[in-house]
Amino acid sequence: MSHKHDYRQIFKATSLFGGVQGFNILIGFARNKVVTVLLGPEGFGIVNLFNSTISVITSYTSLGLSFSALRNISQANETGDEESFARTIITFRRWMWFSGLLGTVITLLLSPLLSQWTFGSGEYTVSFIWIAFSFLLASQTNARNTMLQGMRKLKLLARSNVAGSVLGLLISLPLYYFLGVRGIVPALLASAVAGFILAWYLTRSIAVAPVSLSLRESVFQGMDMVRLGILTTLSASAWYSVNLFVNAYVTRTGGLGELGLYQAGHSLTNQSVNLVFTAMIVDFFPRLAGIQGNVLKERQTVNQQVEVAALLIAPLTLAFVSFLPIAVHIMYTPSFMRITEYVQWYFLGILFKATYWSMGYLIMARGDTRTYIFLELSSCLLFAALATAGYRFFGLQGLGASYLVSHLLFCILYYVIVSRKYQFAFSLTLGVVLLVQTLLSVLLFLCIRWFGYPVATYAGIFICALSGGFSLWQINKRLDLKDLISSRFGKNRERHE
């Protein structure tokens, strides 16, 4: 019964947070469509170079506060102590102002170098100067969204995320239409302003008791948040830096048009699977941290999470790959059809990604900072080497294959470490799930390579049906869907009576 409850909790979290992410994915697809139609591959590449650079700077200057402060805000909110809550919120906001100002100053000072590093010339120096001011706005937007998450006001948080994305799209559309590539920077700034105003509006009713708190006190009280955020900051900044390096390498080797194709494929793949990975971030880690040190419970929790991820992700990715040419036509334009070469390889390794991510959270829950940083930095260097070599010799296909190979190697590396240090082991049940779904993914991949589309689409429908049927069978074994549906309908009936 305990196992059934655990699985139901995982699926409930996945549906809740995955649904929120689903809205953002649809909006993201719409935004990509607008950019590709109005600006073309080159404009798409410029937008993503700016966004990649912003992400790198944010990762270094944010101090991981948006993640680490969640614990402090949640604890202060749960106690019901208004003064403690107010001190936590004021401290957090001040530190977020500092992080936003830090990002602005660094971008202003490095604007000539950023233009040279990302675009190979000083042409975009002024653009980076304007973009610098978006860091202040973004820091306060993130601060307010973090407050909503820490207070478990998830409906307001969902509204903020979705409405902010829609507003950003509506603002960007006329700027791209009338100004073309010259509208990219104004669109980025306008979206940052709109996001801040929306977040402020949704959090304006949050009452914070008036307390006397000096800047010195805020600094010392906030150091706990900063220390907790360093782990995620180091990991995120390393990966952002590697992605920026790969983007710059593709730009210098193949040009902005080639970068636009790579980023379009990367965006397509990431947004398609983030429904499940978002739930892993929001729900899985807190549960794992709560049982820290209980080897058997840790092993069970990780295995269950990977099982659920594999059962949900595999049918979705198989369906997506089966209709990939149609999806590219809908979401982009025919000139982007070459990204199918990249996406096919990437999706082949997605189950390995879900597996090593779960093991990575086990290391974080244990607080084993040295091991986690070692694995993350090793993974970054390995991926950078594989991605540049893959693109140099095989183009976009090589980039896709580099993701498959790197995810597989990461999986092996993480498993060796966690099995030795924490007595972790995969369950037989998980092994069966991964084996079946991986074999079906390989079968579809081979159909695409041998027969091409549209024959592969027809084969994919059959393979996807097999994967979906297997997943439904396995999910029913874990949840007892008939009993779950009956209990839900029973509760609804009681409410109406």
Protein backbone atom coordinates (compact mmCIF):
# COMPACT_ATOMS: atom_id res chain seq x y z
CA MET A 1 0.00 0.00 0.00
CA SER A 2 2.93 2.28 0.84
CA HIS A 3 4.41 1.80 -2.62
CA LYS A 4 1.08 2.65 -4.25
CA HIS A 5 0.87 5.85 -2.21
CA ASP A 6 4.41 6.82 -3.26
CA TYR A 7 3.65 6.27 -6.94
CA ARG A 8 0.42 8.25 -6.69
CA GLN A 9 2.30 11.13 -5.09
CA ILE A 10 4.84 11.12 -7.92
CA PHE A 11 2.16 11.05 -10.62
CA LYS A 12 0.15 13.76 -8.86
CA ALA A 13 3.18 16.06 -8.73
CA THR A 14 3.99 15.30 -12.35
CA SER A 15 0.49 16.19 -13.53
CA LEU A 16 0.39 19.38 -11.43
CA PHE A 17 3.75 20.89 -12.30
CA GLY A 18 3.91 19.29 -15.72
CA GLY A 19 0.63 20.98 -16.61
CA VAL A 20 2.10 24.38 -15.77
CA GLN A 21 5.14 23.61 -17.87
CA GLY A 22 2.89 22.47 -20.72
CA PHE A 23 1.46 25.97 -21.07
CA ASN A 24 4.96 27.43 -21.16
CA ILE A 25 6.00 24.92 -23.81
CA LEU A 26 3.13 25.89 -26.08
CA ILE A 27 3.99 29.55 -25.67
CA GLY A 28 7.65 28.76 -26.29
CA PHE A 29 6.76 27.00 -29.53
CA ALA A 30 4.69 30.00 -30.59
CA ARG A 31 7.57 32.35 -29.78
CA ASN A 32 10.01 30.23 -31.81
CA LYS A 33 7.57 30.19 -34.71
CA VAL A 34 7.32 33.99 -34.64
CA VAL A 35 11.10 34.39 -34.55
CA THR A 36 11.77 31.90 -37.33
CA VAL A 37 9.09 33.33 -39.64
CA LEU A 38 9.91 37.00 -39.08
CA LEU A 39 13.68 36.81 -38.53
CA GLY A 40 14.77 33.53 -40.15
CA PRO A 41 17.58 31.19 -39.01
CA GLU A 42 20.08 34.03 -38.58
CA GLY A 43 17.74 36.05 -36.37
CA PHE A 44 16.92 32.92 -34.38
CA GLY A 45 20.63 32.42 -33.80
CA ILE A 46 21.10 36.02 -32.61
CA VAL A 47 18.19 35.75 -30.16
CA ASN A 48 19.60 32.57 -28.68
CA LEU A 49 23.12 33.97 -28.43
CA PHE A 50 21.76 36.87 -26.37
CA ASN A 51 19.69 34.52 -24.22
CA SER A 52 22.63 32.15 -23.71
CA THR A 53 24.86 35.02 -22.62
CA ILE A 54 22.20 36.34 -20.24
CA SER A 55 21.83 32.85 -18.76
CA VAL A 56 25.59 32.54 -18.19
CA ILE A 57 25.84 35.92 -16.43
CA THR A 58 22.72 35.18 -14.37
CA SER A 59 24.14 31.84 -13.28
CA TYR A 60 27.28 33.53 -11.95
CA THR A 61 25.61 36.53 -10.29
CA SER A 62 22.35 35.09 -8.94
CA LEU A 63 24.20 33.16 -6.18
CA GLY A 64 21.60 30.41 -6.46
CA LEU A 65 19.25 32.44 -4.27
CA SER A 66 16.05 31.58 -6.15
CA PHE A 67 16.61 27.91 -5.30
CA SER A 68 18.27 28.07 -1.89
CA ALA A 69 15.87 30.62 -0.39
CA LEU A 70 12.91 28.29 -0.93
CA ARG A 71 13.78 26.37 2.21
CA ASN A 72 14.07 29.52 4.33
CA ILE A 73 10.83 31.03 3.01
CA SER A 74 8.91 27.76 3.43
CA GLN A 75 10.13 27.27 6.99
CA ALA A 76 9.31 30.85 7.98
CA ASN A 77 5.88 30.59 6.37
CA GLU A 78 5.07 27.28 8.10
CA THR A 79 5.91 28.59 11.58
CA GLY A 80 3.29 31.33 11.33
CA ASP A 81 5.74 33.74 12.95
CA GLU A 82 5.06 37.00 11.11
CA GLU A 83 8.27 38.65 12.29
CA SER A 84 10.44 35.72 11.24
CA PHE A 85 8.69 35.60 7.87
CA ALA A 86 9.15 39.34 7.36
CA ARG A 87 12.86 39.19 8.20
CA THR A 88 13.34 36.32 5.76
CA ILE A 89 11.50 38.09 2.95
CA ILE A 90 13.28 41.41 3.48
CA THR A 91 16.67 39.69 3.60
CA PHE A 92 15.91 37.71 0.47
CA ARG A 93 14.71 40.77 -1.47
CA ARG A 94 17.82 42.76 -0.53
CA TRP A 95 20.12 39.97 -1.61
CA MET A 96 18.19 39.67 -4.88
CA TRP A 97 18.64 43.41 -5.48
CA PHE A 98 22.35 42.91 -4.93
CA SER A 99 22.50 39.99 -7.39
CA GLY A 100 20.58 41.97 -10.04
CA LEU A 101 22.85 44.99 -9.61
CA LEU A 102 25.89 42.74 -9.83
CA GLY A 103 24.67 41.29 -13.14
CA THR A 104 24.02 44.78 -14.51
CA VAL A 105 27.44 46.13 -13.57
CA ILE A 106 29.31 43.11 -14.91
CA THR A 107 27.44 43.23 -18.22
CA LEU A 108 28.10 46.97 -18.60
CA LEU A 109 31.82 46.53 -17.92
CA LEU A 110 32.22 43.49 -20.16
CA SER A 111 29.90 44.57 -23.00
CA PRO A 112 32.75 45.00 -25.57
CA LEU A 113 34.22 41.62 -24.66
CA LEU A 114 30.82 39.91 -24.65
CA SER A 115 30.17 41.16 -28.17
CA GLN A 116 33.56 39.90 -29.31
CA TRP A 117 33.24 36.52 -27.61
CA THR A 118 29.73 35.73 -28.79
CA PHE A 119 29.57 37.32 -32.24
CA GLY A 120 33.25 37.63 -33.16
CA SER A 121 33.08 41.44 -33.49
CA GLY A 122 32.27 44.58 -31.51
CA GLU A 123 29.08 45.22 -33.47
CA TYR A 124 26.79 44.25 -30.59
CA THR A 125 28.49 46.19 -27.75
CA VAL A 126 25.67 48.75 -27.48
CA SER A 127 23.12 45.93 -27.49
CA PHE A 128 24.75 44.35 -24.45
CA ILE A 129 24.81 47.74 -22.69
CA TRP A 130 21.02 47.99 -23.05
CA ILE A 131 20.51 44.35 -22.07
CA ALA A 132 22.48 44.96 -18.85
CA PHE A 133 19.52 46.75 -17.28
CA SER A 134 17.30 43.70 -17.67
CA PHE A 135 19.19 41.94 -14.85
CA LEU A 136 17.74 44.24 -12.19
CA LEU A 137 14.21 43.61 -13.41
CA ALA A 138 14.73 39.88 -13.77
CA SER A 139 16.16 39.57 -10.25
CA GLN A 140 13.04 41.11 -8.72
CA THR A 141 10.73 39.07 -10.94
CA ASN A 142 12.49 35.88 -9.78
CA ALA A 143 12.37 37.07 -6.17
CA ARG A 144 8.61 37.47 -6.23
CA ASN A 145 8.05 34.16 -8.03
CA THR A 146 10.26 32.43 -5.46
CA MET A 147 8.13 33.92 -2.70
CA LEU A 148 5.01 32.44 -4.32
CA GLN A 149 6.64 29.03 -4.59
CA GLY A 150 7.97 29.11 -1.03
CA MET A 151 4.52 30.03 0.29
CA ARG A 152 3.01 27.25 -1.87
CA LYS A 153 0.83 29.70 -3.81
CA LEU A 154 1.26 27.53 -6.88
CA LYS A 155 -1.78 28.83 -8.73
CA LEU A 156 -0.46 32.39 -8.55
CA LEU A 157 2.99 31.15 -9.55
CA ALA A 158 1.52 29.36 -12.56
CA ARG A 159 -0.41 32.47 -13.50
CA SER A 160 2.73 34.58 -13.24
CA ASN A 161 4.80 32.23 -15.41
CA VAL A 162 2.19 31.65 -18.10
CA ALA A 163 0.89 35.22 -18.27
CA GLY A 164 4.46 36.53 -18.32
CA SER A 165 5.32 34.32 -21.29
CA VAL A 166 2.17 35.31 -23.17
CA LEU A 167 2.78 38.99 -22.47
CA GLY A 168 6.37 38.69 -23.64
CA LEU A 169 5.20 37.08 -26.88
CA LEU A 170 2.59 39.76 -27.53
CA ILE A 171 5.15 42.51 -26.91
CA SER A 172 7.84 40.90 -29.07
CA LEU A 173 5.59 40.22 -32.08
CA PRO A 174 5.11 43.85 -33.28
CA LEU A 175 8.75 44.71 -32.53
CA TYR A 176 10.01 41.82 -34.66
CA TYR A 177 7.48 42.59 -37.38
CA PHE A 178 8.30 46.28 -37.75
CA LEU A 179 11.98 46.36 -36.76
CA GLY A 180 13.20 42.92 -37.80
CA VAL A 181 16.55 41.96 -36.26
CA ARG A 182 16.84 45.48 -34.77
CA GLY A 183 13.80 44.68 -32.61
CA ILE A 184 15.51 41.84 -30.72
CA VAL A 185 17.05 43.94 -27.94
CA PRO A 186 13.94 46.14 -27.43
CA ALA A 187 11.87 42.95 -27.23
CA LEU A 188 14.14 41.47 -24.56
CA LEU A 189 13.96 44.66 -22.47
CA ALA A 190 10.21 45.10 -22.91
CA SER A 191 9.60 41.48 -21.88
CA ALA A 192 11.71 41.98 -18.73
CA VAL A 193 9.67 45.07 -17.81
CA ALA A 194 6.37 43.28 -18.43
CA GLY A 195 7.45 40.26 -16.39
CA PHE A 196 8.40 42.43 -13.42
CA ILE A 197 5.15 44.42 -13.49
CA LEU A 198 3.11 41.21 -13.63
CA ALA A 199 5.03 39.55 -10.77
CA TRP A 200 4.68 42.69 -8.66
CA TYR A 201 0.94 42.82 -9.34
CA LEU A 202 0.39 39.19 -8.32
CA THR A 203 2.41 39.50 -5.12
CA ARG A 204 1.25 42.96 -4.04
CA SER A 205 -1.21 41.47 -1.54
CA ILE A 206 1.44 39.45 0.33
CA ALA A 207 1.61 41.04 3.77
CA VAL A 208 5.06 41.56 5.26
CA ALA A 209 5.08 42.83 8.84
CA PRO A 210 7.11 46.02 9.38
CA VAL A 211 10.35 45.05 11.12
CA SER A 212 13.59 46.87 11.77
CA LEU A 213 16.38 45.10 9.90
CA SER A 214 19.69 46.77 9.09
CA LEU A 215 21.70 46.05 5.97
CA ARG A 216 24.38 44.44 8.12
CA GLU A 217 21.83 42.06 9.63
CA SER A 218 20.50 41.24 6.17
CA VAL A 219 23.99 40.40 4.97
CA PHE A 220 24.68 37.96 7.81
CA GLN A 221 21.20 36.44 7.82
CA GLY A 222 21.33 35.93 4.05
CA MET A 223 24.67 34.13 4.12
CA ASP A 224 22.83 30.90 4.91
CA MET A 225 20.87 31.26 1.66
CA VAL A 226 24.04 32.09 -0.26
CA ARG A 227 25.93 29.07 1.05
CA LEU A 228 23.09 26.76 0.08
CA GLY A 229 22.92 28.32 -3.37
CA ILE A 230 26.60 27.92 -4.20
CA LEU A 231 26.20 24.24 -5.09
CA THR A 232 23.52 24.84 -7.71
CA THR A 233 25.26 28.02 -8.90
CA LEU A 234 28.51 26.21 -9.66
CA SER A 235 26.67 23.47 -11.53
CA ALA A 236 24.40 25.80 -13.51
CA SER A 237 27.16 28.26 -14.38
CA ALA A 238 29.37 25.45 -15.63
CA TRP A 239 26.65 24.11 -17.92
CA TYR A 240 25.67 27.57 -19.17
CA SER A 241 29.32 28.26 -19.95
CA VAL A 242 29.66 25.01 -21.86
CA ASN A 243 26.49 25.74 -23.85
CA LEU A 244 27.79 29.21 -24.66
CA PHE A 245 31.11 27.70 -25.73
CA VAL A 246 29.35 25.19 -28.01
CA ASN A 247 27.14 27.96 -29.44
CA ALA A 248 30.17 30.11 -30.15
CA TYR A 249 32.00 27.16 -31.74
CA VAL A 250 29.07 26.39 -34.04
CA THR A 251 28.81 30.10 -34.97
CA ARG A 252 32.50 30.41 -35.83
CA THR A 253 32.58 27.09 -37.69
CA GLY A 254 29.25 27.04 -39.51
CA GLY A 255 27.85 30.59 -39.19
CA LEU A 256 24.79 32.13 -37.52
CA GLY A 257 22.41 30.21 -39.79
CA GLU A 258 23.85 26.91 -38.62
CA LEU A 259 23.61 28.07 -35.01
CA GLY A 260 19.96 28.94 -35.57
CA LEU A 261 19.27 25.39 -36.76
CA TYR A 262 21.10 23.89 -33.77
CA GLN A 263 19.26 26.12 -31.29
CA ALA A 264 15.91 25.40 -32.94
CA GLY A 265 16.50 21.66 -32.56
CA HIS A 266 17.77 22.07 -29.00
CA SER A 267 14.75 24.16 -28.04
CA LEU A 268 12.40 21.66 -29.63
CA THR A 269 13.86 18.71 -27.72
CA ASN A 270 14.16 20.41 -24.35
CA GLN A 271 10.65 21.84 -24.33
CA SER A 272 9.18 18.50 -25.35
CA VAL A 273 10.47 16.61 -22.29
CA ASN A 274 10.43 19.35 -19.65
CA LEU A 275 6.91 18.35 -18.64
CA VAL A 276 8.38 15.44 -16.69
CA PHE A 277 11.72 16.96 -15.69
CA THR A 278 9.98 19.96 -14.11
CA ALA A 279 8.14 17.65 -11.72
CA MET A 280 11.44 15.99 -10.84
CA ILE A 281 12.92 19.35 -9.84
CA VAL A 282 9.95 20.61 -7.82
CA ASP A 283 8.75 17.44 -6.06
CA PHE A 284 11.45 14.77 -6.22
CA PHE A 285 14.32 16.59 -4.50
CA PRO A 286 12.35 17.69 -1.39
CA ARG A 287 11.11 14.12 -0.88
CA LEU A 288 14.62 12.74 -1.29
CA ALA A 289 16.12 15.30 1.09
CA GLY A 290 13.57 14.30 3.72
CA ILE A 291 14.84 10.70 3.84
CA GLN A 292 18.54 11.53 3.70
CA GLY A 293 20.69 8.68 4.99
CA ASN A 294 17.99 5.99 4.77
CA VAL A 295 19.68 3.81 2.15
CA LEU A 296 16.73 1.52 1.42
CA LYS A 297 14.23 4.37 1.20
CA GLU A 298 16.60 6.42 -0.99
CA ARG A 299 17.07 3.50 -3.34
CA GLN A 300 13.31 2.95 -3.55
CA THR A 301 12.56 6.64 -4.14
CA VAL A 302 15.13 7.05 -6.93
CA ASN A 303 14.04 3.86 -8.66
CA GLN A 304 10.40 4.88 -8.50
CA GLN A 305 11.14 8.32 -9.91
CA VAL A 306 13.13 6.96 -12.86
CA GLU A 307 10.40 4.38 -13.54
CA VAL A 308 7.73 7.07 -13.70
CA ALA A 309 9.94 9.29 -15.86
CA ALA A 310 10.64 6.47 -18.31
CA LEU A 311 6.99 5.41 -18.51
CA LEU A 312 5.86 8.95 -19.28
CA ILE A 313 8.72 10.23 -21.43
CA ALA A 314 9.17 7.25 -23.77
CA PRO A 315 5.68 7.28 -25.42
CA LEU A 316 5.79 11.09 -25.70
CA THR A 317 9.18 11.17 -27.40
CA LEU A 318 8.35 8.25 -29.70
CA ALA A 319 5.17 10.02 -30.83
CA PHE A 320 7.04 13.27 -31.32
CA VAL A 321 9.84 11.67 -33.37
CA SER A 322 7.29 9.74 -35.46
CA PHE A 323 5.71 13.00 -36.62
CA LEU A 324 8.90 15.06 -36.50
CA PRO A 325 8.76 16.48 -40.07
CA ILE A 326 5.18 17.62 -39.48
CA ALA A 327 6.16 19.16 -36.14
CA VAL A 328 9.00 21.11 -37.75
CA HIS A 329 6.64 22.42 -40.46
CA ILE A 330 4.16 23.55 -37.82
CA MET A 331 6.60 25.03 -35.31
CA TYR A 332 9.18 26.47 -37.68
CA THR A 333 9.48 26.66 -41.48
CA PRO A 334 10.62 24.19 -44.18
CA SER A 335 14.10 25.80 -44.10
CA PHE A 336 14.54 24.25 -40.63
CA MET A 337 13.94 20.67 -41.81
CA ARG A 338 17.60 19.76 -41.30
CA ILE A 339 17.13 19.82 -37.53
CA THR A 340 15.44 16.41 -37.77
CA GLU A 341 18.95 14.94 -38.13
CA TYR A 342 19.86 16.36 -34.73
CA VAL A 343 16.59 15.63 -32.92
CA GLN A 344 16.54 11.91 -33.83
CA TRP A 345 19.85 11.31 -32.07
CA TYR A 346 19.03 13.50 -29.09
CA PHE A 347 15.78 11.73 -28.25
CA LEU A 348 17.51 8.36 -28.40
CA GLY A 349 19.42 9.27 -25.24
CA ILE A 350 16.66 11.00 -23.27
CA LEU A 351 16.01 8.03 -20.94
CA PHE A 352 19.68 8.07 -19.93
CA LYS A 353 19.29 11.74 -19.04
CA ALA A 354 16.32 11.03 -16.76
CA THR A 355 18.32 8.31 -15.05
CA TYR A 356 21.49 10.23 -14.27
CA TRP A 357 19.51 13.33 -13.25
CA SER A 358 17.77 11.26 -10.57
CA MET A 359 21.06 9.93 -9.26
CA GLY A 360 22.44 13.49 -9.24
CA TYR A 361 19.65 14.60 -6.90
CA LEU A 362 20.58 11.76 -4.55
CA ILE A 363 24.07 13.24 -4.24
CA MET A 364 22.63 16.72 -3.61
CA ALA A 365 20.24 15.36 -0.96
CA ARG A 366 23.21 13.78 0.81
CA GLY A 367 24.96 17.16 0.86
CA ASP A 368 28.03 15.61 -0.77
CA THR A 369 29.21 18.84 -2.40
CA ARG A 370 32.63 17.63 -3.50
CA THR A 371 31.28 14.56 -5.29
CA TYR A 372 28.51 16.51 -7.00
CA ILE A 373 30.81 19.27 -8.23
CA PHE A 374 33.36 16.71 -9.44
CA LEU A 375 30.71 14.86 -11.43
CA GLU A 376 29.17 18.03 -12.86
CA LEU A 377 32.48 19.52 -13.95
CA SER A 378 33.60 16.19 -15.41
CA SER A 379 30.32 15.94 -17.30
CA CYS A 380 30.70 19.50 -18.63
CA LEU A 381 34.20 18.89 -19.96
CA LEU A 382 33.20 15.56 -21.47
CA PHE A 383 30.17 17.04 -23.23
CA ALA A 384 32.15 20.03 -24.55
CA ALA A 385 34.73 17.68 -26.08
CA LEU A 386 32.10 15.36 -27.59
CA ALA A 387 29.93 18.20 -28.94
CA THR A 388 32.75 20.09 -30.66
CA ALA A 389 34.24 16.90 -32.11
CA GLY A 390 30.81 15.68 -33.22
CA TYR A 391 29.98 18.94 -34.99
CA ARG A 392 33.43 19.26 -36.56
CA PHE A 393 33.27 15.85 -38.22
CA PHE A 394 29.52 15.15 -38.67
CA GLY A 395 27.70 18.50 -38.46
CA LEU A 396 24.25 18.61 -36.83
CA GLN A 397 24.04 14.82 -36.72
CA GLY A 398 27.29 14.79 -34.78
CA LEU A 399 25.86 17.25 -32.26
CA GLY A 400 22.82 15.04 -31.74
CA ALA A 401 24.97 11.93 -31.40
CA SER A 402 27.15 13.75 -28.85
CA TYR A 403 24.10 14.13 -26.60
CA LEU A 404 23.31 10.42 -26.86
CA VAL A 405 26.88 9.35 -26.09
CA SER A 406 27.38 11.89 -23.31
CA HIS A 407 24.09 10.99 -21.56
CA LEU A 408 25.04 7.31 -21.67
CA LEU A 409 28.52 8.00 -20.27
CA PHE A 410 27.08 10.31 -17.59
CA CYS A 411 24.68 7.53 -16.59
CA ILE A 412 27.54 5.05 -16.17
CA LEU A 413 29.71 7.55 -14.29
CA TYR A 414 26.97 8.59 -11.87
CA TYR A 415 25.93 5.00 -11.23
CA VAL A 416 29.48 3.90 -10.40
CA ILE A 417 29.81 6.73 -7.88
CA VAL A 418 26.42 6.46 -6.13
CA SER A 419 26.50 2.66 -5.99
CA ARG A 420 29.88 2.72 -4.24
CA LYS A 421 29.28 5.68 -1.93
CA TYR A 422 25.59 5.20 -1.05
CA GLN A 423 24.96 1.49 -1.72
CA PHE A 424 22.54 2.44 -4.50
CA ALA A 425 21.34 -0.13 -7.04
CA PHE A 426 18.80 -0.25 -9.84
CA SER A 427 15.81 -2.47 -9.19
CA LEU A 428 14.89 -5.32 -11.50
CA THR A 429 11.57 -3.60 -12.22
CA LEU A 430 13.33 -0.43 -13.35
CA GLY A 431 15.71 -2.47 -15.48
CA VAL A 432 12.78 -4.05 -17.33
CA VAL A 433 11.11 -0.67 -17.92
CA LEU A 434 14.31 0.94 -19.25
CA LEU A 435 15.15 -2.06 -21.44
CA VAL A 436 11.73 -2.25 -23.10
CA GLN A 437 11.43 1.49 -23.74
CA THR A 438 15.04 1.77 -24.96
CA LEU A 439 14.59 -1.12 -27.41
CA LEU A 440 11.44 0.49 -28.81
CA SER A 441 13.29 3.81 -29.19
CA VAL A 442 16.14 2.10 -31.04
CA LEU A 443 13.65 0.32 -33.30
CA LEU A 444 12.05 3.62 -34.35
CA PHE A 445 15.47 5.20 -34.87
CA LEU A 446 16.50 2.36 -37.18
CA CYS A 447 13.23 2.68 -39.14
CA ILE A 448 14.00 6.36 -39.73
CA ARG A 449 17.57 5.64 -40.82
CA TRP A 450 16.63 2.76 -43.11
CA PHE A 451 13.32 3.86 -44.63
CA GLY A 452 13.03 7.58 -43.89
CA TYR A 453 9.78 9.52 -43.62
CA PRO A 454 6.84 8.99 -44.22
CA VAL A 455 7.37 5.20 -43.89
CA ALA A 456 8.95 5.78 -40.47
CA THR A 457 5.85 7.71 -39.40
CA TYR A 458 3.59 4.71 -40.06
CA ALA A 459 6.03 2.40 -38.26
CA GLY A 460 6.29 4.95 -35.46
CA ILE A 461 2.53 4.91 -34.87
CA PHE A 462 2.72 1.16 -34.24
CA ILE A 463 5.86 1.43 -32.07
CA CYS A 464 4.36 4.32 -30.11
CA ALA A 465 1.22 2.25 -29.48
CA LEU A 466 3.39 -0.56 -28.11
CA SER A 467 5.26 1.87 -25.84
CA GLY A 468 2.05 3.56 -24.68
CA GLY A 469 0.35 0.23 -24.02
CA PHE A 470 3.35 -1.00 -22.03
CA SER A 471 3.44 2.24 -20.02
CA LEU A 472 -0.30 2.11 -19.30
CA TRP A 473 -0.01 -1.52 -18.18
CA GLN A 474 2.90 -0.68 -15.86
CA ILE A 475 1.21 2.45 -14.50
CA ASN A 476 -1.96 0.48 -13.75
CA LYS A 477 0.10 -2.07 -11.80
CA ARG A 478 1.50 0.74 -9.65
CA LEU A 479 -1.58 2.91 -9.20
CA ASP A 480 -4.58 0.62 -9.69
CA LEU A 481 -6.24 3.11 -12.03
CA LYS A 482 -9.71 1.61 -11.61
CA ASP A 483 -9.58 2.06 -7.85
CA LEU A 484 -8.10 5.55 -8.20
CA ILE A 485 -10.79 6.70 -10.64
CA SER A 486 -13.54 5.18 -8.52
CA SER A 487 -12.29 6.93 -5.39
CA ARG A 488 -12.08 10.26 -7.21
CA PHE A 489 -15.58 9.98 -8.61
CA GLY A 490 -16.79 8.89 -5.19
CA LYS A 491 -15.36 12.01 -3.56
CA ASN A 492 -16.94 14.23 -6.22
CA ARG A 493 -20.29 12.54 -5.73
CA GLU A 494 -20.11 13.07 -1.96
CA ARG A 495 -19.39 16.77 -2.43
CA HIS A 496 -22.44 17.22 -4.66
CA GLU A 497 -24.67 15.28 -2.25
